[in-house]
Amino acid sequence: MTDVEISNMLDIPSNTVSDWSKTKSKRNTLYTFLSKMNLDEVKTIDSRKNKIDNEPKFNKKAKTVKLDKSWFYTDLLWSSGNEQRIGINRIISIYMSNPQQRNTDSLIKLFGAERIETVINKNFDFDDRTKNVKATALEQVHYGFTPIKIENRKKLVINTDKLSKQLTGASQKRIDSIVSKVGKSIILEAAKKVRFPESYIIEDKIEYAIGKII
């Protein structure tokens, strides 16, 4: 790969790649390895990794699991104890009744998007009570665990005061979108201008989004 391709793939400045190329750099071995690889080979490896990563943890034929509440961002299974055996479809129904993107991402990794959609379509309907919930739930599953691709940031001039207002009350999906457009330091600076404790919640969502960057 060329230096430009390495820079784009790792989302690092070109001068950092240049530093790595120097013999005395601690990252020179990594640079040498990457520079000898073909970009198409890297994409093939990455696609294989994504395929493995996208395989759900539990077999689609499984009916119940031993509950581990650390799987989820919030605990909606108050009546069930940790390590209690519980129906998978019940877990899905409860969490998708109050859909939150991070919990939805966890469900997808555990049980697969296809199974979640099946449960939603079976248990939710487009009536007055659940139509908005069903639409949101299905949208989150379709979006679920989508990697974030960094957009061109070179010409952006960010007003952090205005950005902090955009972050206030923002969903995980909205913050994912903002992270793709601005740098980590800028968005975290804007987050600190939001009143506590919401600033803490927003910073947590930002760190989660950064973990999805490809």
Protein backbone atom coordinates (compact mmCIF):
# COMPACT_ATOMS: atom_id res chain seq x y z
CA MET A 1 0.00 0.00 0.00
CA THR A 2 1.04 3.58 -0.55
CA ASP A 3 1.47 6.02 2.33
CA VAL A 4 -1.80 7.67 1.34
CA GLU A 5 -3.64 4.34 1.41
CA ILE A 6 -2.19 3.52 4.85
CA SER A 7 -3.20 6.96 6.12
CA ASN A 8 -6.76 6.58 4.84
CA MET A 9 -7.17 3.01 6.06
CA LEU A 10 -5.98 3.75 9.63
CA ASP A 11 -7.45 7.28 9.70
CA ILE A 12 -4.15 8.80 10.77
CA PRO A 13 -2.34 11.92 9.47
CA SER A 14 0.06 11.49 6.58
CA ASN A 15 2.93 12.91 8.66
CA THR A 16 2.38 10.10 11.19
CA VAL A 17 2.80 7.54 8.42
CA SER A 18 5.91 9.40 7.32
CA ASP A 19 7.32 9.13 10.86
CA TRP A 20 6.59 5.40 10.90
CA SER A 21 8.57 4.95 7.69
CA LYS A 22 11.78 6.08 9.43
CA THR A 23 14.07 3.23 10.43
CA LYS A 24 14.34 4.37 14.06
CA SER A 25 10.56 4.53 14.52
CA LYS A 26 9.01 1.95 16.87
CA ARG A 27 6.29 1.50 14.23
CA ASN A 28 8.69 0.92 11.35
CA THR A 29 8.07 -2.85 11.36
CA LEU A 30 4.33 -2.24 11.09
CA TYR A 31 4.89 0.33 8.34
CA THR A 32 7.06 -2.12 6.39
CA PHE A 33 4.43 -4.83 6.73
CA LEU A 34 1.61 -2.54 5.57
CA SER A 35 3.60 -1.03 2.72
CA LYS A 36 4.26 -4.50 1.28
CA MET A 37 0.59 -5.44 1.35
CA ASN A 38 -1.81 -4.87 -1.52
CA LEU A 39 -4.89 -2.76 -0.71
CA ASP A 40 -7.18 -5.41 -2.22
CA GLU A 41 -5.61 -8.04 0.09
CA VAL A 42 -6.31 -5.84 3.10
CA LYS A 43 -9.93 -5.36 2.01
CA THR A 44 -10.32 -9.13 1.54
CA ILE A 45 -8.93 -9.84 5.03
CA ASP A 46 -11.18 -7.15 6.49
CA SER A 47 -14.27 -8.57 4.76
CA ARG A 48 -13.48 -12.06 6.12
CA LYS A 49 -13.04 -10.61 9.61
CA ASN A 50 -16.37 -8.75 9.32
CA LYS A 51 -18.09 -11.96 8.26
CA ILE A 52 -16.73 -13.77 11.32
CA ASP A 53 -17.56 -10.83 13.59
CA ASN A 54 -21.12 -10.75 12.25
CA GLU A 55 -21.82 -14.38 13.19
CA PRO A 56 -24.20 -14.34 16.21
CA LYS A 57 -22.90 -15.79 19.45
CA PHE A 58 -25.85 -18.15 19.90
CA ASN A 59 -27.16 -20.67 17.40
CA LYS A 60 -30.47 -19.68 15.79
CA LYS A 61 -32.00 -22.93 17.08
CA ALA A 62 -31.31 -22.05 20.73
CA LYS A 63 -34.49 -21.31 22.71
CA THR A 64 -33.06 -20.13 26.02
CA VAL A 65 -29.80 -18.71 27.39
CA LYS A 66 -28.22 -18.16 30.79
CA LEU A 67 -28.67 -14.41 31.25
CA ASP A 68 -25.62 -12.19 31.55
CA LYS A 69 -26.76 -8.64 32.23
CA SER A 70 -23.35 -7.25 31.27
CA TRP A 71 -24.35 -7.87 27.66
CA PHE A 72 -26.54 -4.79 27.67
CA TYR A 73 -26.06 -1.06 28.11
CA THR A 74 -29.14 -0.85 30.36
CA ASP A 75 -30.92 -3.48 32.45
CA LEU A 76 -34.53 -3.96 31.36
CA LEU A 77 -34.84 -7.46 32.82
CA TRP A 78 -35.43 -6.38 36.42
CA SER A 79 -37.51 -9.42 37.32
CA SER A 80 -34.84 -11.87 36.14
CA GLY A 81 -31.67 -12.61 38.06
CA ASN A 82 -28.22 -12.76 36.55
CA GLU A 83 -27.35 -16.25 35.23
CA GLN A 84 -31.04 -17.19 35.29
CA ARG A 85 -32.14 -19.20 32.27
CA ILE A 86 -34.46 -17.09 30.14
CA GLY A 87 -36.13 -17.34 26.73
CA ILE A 88 -34.25 -15.63 23.91
CA ASN A 89 -37.41 -14.32 22.25
CA ARG A 90 -38.47 -12.81 25.58
CA ILE A 91 -35.15 -10.95 25.85
CA ILE A 92 -35.54 -9.62 22.32
CA SER A 93 -39.18 -8.56 22.88
CA ILE A 94 -38.40 -6.70 26.09
CA TYR A 95 -35.41 -4.81 24.72
CA MET A 96 -37.02 -3.97 21.39
CA SER A 97 -40.12 -2.66 23.21
CA ASN A 98 -37.87 0.17 24.37
CA PRO A 99 -35.32 0.25 21.54
CA GLN A 100 -31.92 1.80 22.19
CA GLN A 101 -29.22 1.44 19.55
CA ARG A 102 -26.51 0.12 21.85
CA ASN A 103 -28.78 -2.58 23.26
CA THR A 104 -29.92 -3.41 19.73
CA ASP A 105 -26.29 -3.79 18.65
CA SER A 106 -25.77 -6.21 21.54
CA LEU A 107 -28.86 -8.24 20.54
CA ILE A 108 -27.57 -8.49 16.97
CA LYS A 109 -24.19 -9.78 18.13
CA LEU A 110 -25.88 -12.29 20.43
CA PHE A 111 -28.77 -13.57 18.31
CA GLY A 112 -28.48 -12.17 14.78
CA ALA A 113 -30.47 -9.49 12.95
CA GLU A 114 -32.74 -11.98 11.15
CA ARG A 115 -34.01 -13.48 14.40
CA ILE A 116 -34.62 -10.06 15.93
CA GLU A 117 -36.63 -8.93 12.91
CA THR A 118 -38.72 -12.09 13.11
CA VAL A 119 -39.57 -11.44 16.78
CA ILE A 120 -40.39 -7.78 16.09
CA ASN A 121 -42.70 -8.63 13.19
CA LYS A 122 -44.43 -11.31 15.25
CA ASN A 123 -44.93 -9.31 18.46
CA PHE A 124 -45.33 -5.72 17.24
CA ASP A 125 -47.96 -4.28 14.96
CA PHE A 126 -48.55 -0.94 13.26
CA ASP A 127 -51.47 -0.05 15.51
CA ASP A 128 -51.81 3.14 17.57
CA ARG A 129 -49.79 1.77 20.49
CA THR A 130 -46.82 0.11 18.85
CA LYS A 131 -46.48 1.55 15.34
CA ASN A 132 -43.76 4.04 16.29
CA VAL A 133 -41.95 1.46 18.41
CA LYS A 134 -41.97 -1.08 15.60
CA ALA A 135 -40.67 1.41 13.05
CA THR A 136 -37.86 2.53 15.37
CA ALA A 137 -36.99 -1.05 16.32
CA LEU A 138 -36.73 -2.20 12.70
CA GLU A 139 -34.70 0.87 11.76
CA GLN A 140 -32.23 0.15 14.55
CA VAL A 141 -31.84 -3.47 13.46
CA HIS A 142 -31.20 -2.40 9.85
CA TYR A 143 -28.64 0.15 11.04
CA GLY A 144 -27.28 -2.16 13.73
CA PHE A 145 -23.55 -2.15 14.35
CA THR A 146 -22.88 -0.32 11.10
CA PRO A 147 -19.19 0.64 10.92
CA ILE A 148 -18.49 4.38 10.78
CA LYS A 149 -16.65 5.62 7.71
CA ILE A 150 -14.71 8.84 8.24
CA GLU A 151 -15.69 11.65 5.88
CA ASN A 152 -13.38 14.36 4.55
CA ARG A 153 -12.71 16.72 7.48
CA LYS A 154 -9.99 18.92 6.05
CA LYS A 155 -12.16 21.96 5.21
CA LEU A 156 -14.48 21.81 8.20
CA VAL A 157 -14.42 24.68 10.69
CA ILE A 158 -16.34 23.56 13.77
CA ASN A 159 -18.01 25.90 16.26
CA THR A 160 -17.92 23.80 19.43
CA ASP A 161 -20.63 25.92 21.10
CA LYS A 162 -23.06 25.15 18.29
CA LEU A 163 -21.91 21.54 18.17
CA SER A 164 -22.61 21.10 21.89
CA LYS A 165 -26.24 22.07 21.24
CA GLN A 166 -26.43 19.41 18.52
CA LEU A 167 -25.10 16.83 20.96
CA THR A 168 -27.67 17.64 23.67
CA GLY A 169 -30.25 14.87 23.68
CA ALA A 170 -28.70 13.23 20.61
CA SER A 171 -29.31 9.55 19.93
CA GLN A 172 -26.45 7.10 19.44
CA LYS A 173 -27.14 7.09 15.71
CA ARG A 174 -26.96 10.90 15.57
CA ILE A 175 -23.67 10.93 17.46
CA ASP A 176 -22.30 8.23 15.14
CA SER A 177 -23.06 10.56 12.24
CA ILE A 178 -21.32 13.52 13.89
CA VAL A 179 -18.26 11.42 14.77
CA SER A 180 -17.89 10.55 11.08
CA LYS A 181 -17.63 14.26 10.25
CA VAL A 182 -15.49 15.77 13.01
CA GLY A 183 -12.38 14.74 14.93
CA LYS A 184 -12.37 13.06 18.33
CA SER A 185 -10.79 16.00 20.15
CA ILE A 186 -13.31 18.47 18.72
CA ILE A 187 -16.41 16.45 19.54
CA LEU A 188 -15.18 15.69 23.06
CA GLU A 189 -14.45 19.39 23.58
CA ALA A 190 -18.02 20.17 22.53
CA ALA A 191 -19.37 17.43 24.82
CA LYS A 192 -17.69 19.02 27.85
CA LYS A 193 -19.75 22.17 27.24
CA VAL A 194 -22.97 20.24 27.81
CA ARG A 195 -24.25 20.36 31.38
CA PHE A 196 -23.39 17.43 33.66
CA PRO A 197 -24.60 14.67 33.93
CA GLU A 198 -25.69 14.64 30.29
CA SER A 199 -22.11 15.52 29.25
CA TYR A 200 -20.98 12.22 30.77
CA ILE A 201 -23.65 10.29 28.85
CA ILE A 202 -22.69 12.01 25.60
CA GLU A 203 -18.97 11.33 26.12
CA ASP A 204 -19.80 7.66 26.66
CA LYS A 205 -21.78 7.59 23.39
CA ILE A 206 -18.89 9.28 21.59
CA GLU A 207 -16.38 6.70 22.82
CA TYR A 208 -18.77 3.94 21.71
CA ALA A 209 -19.04 5.54 18.26
CA ILE A 210 -15.26 5.90 17.98
CA GLY A 211 -14.98 2.15 18.60
CA LYS A 212 -17.03 1.56 15.42
CA ILE A 213 -14.73 3.55 13.14
CA ILE A 214 -13.18 1.60 10.27
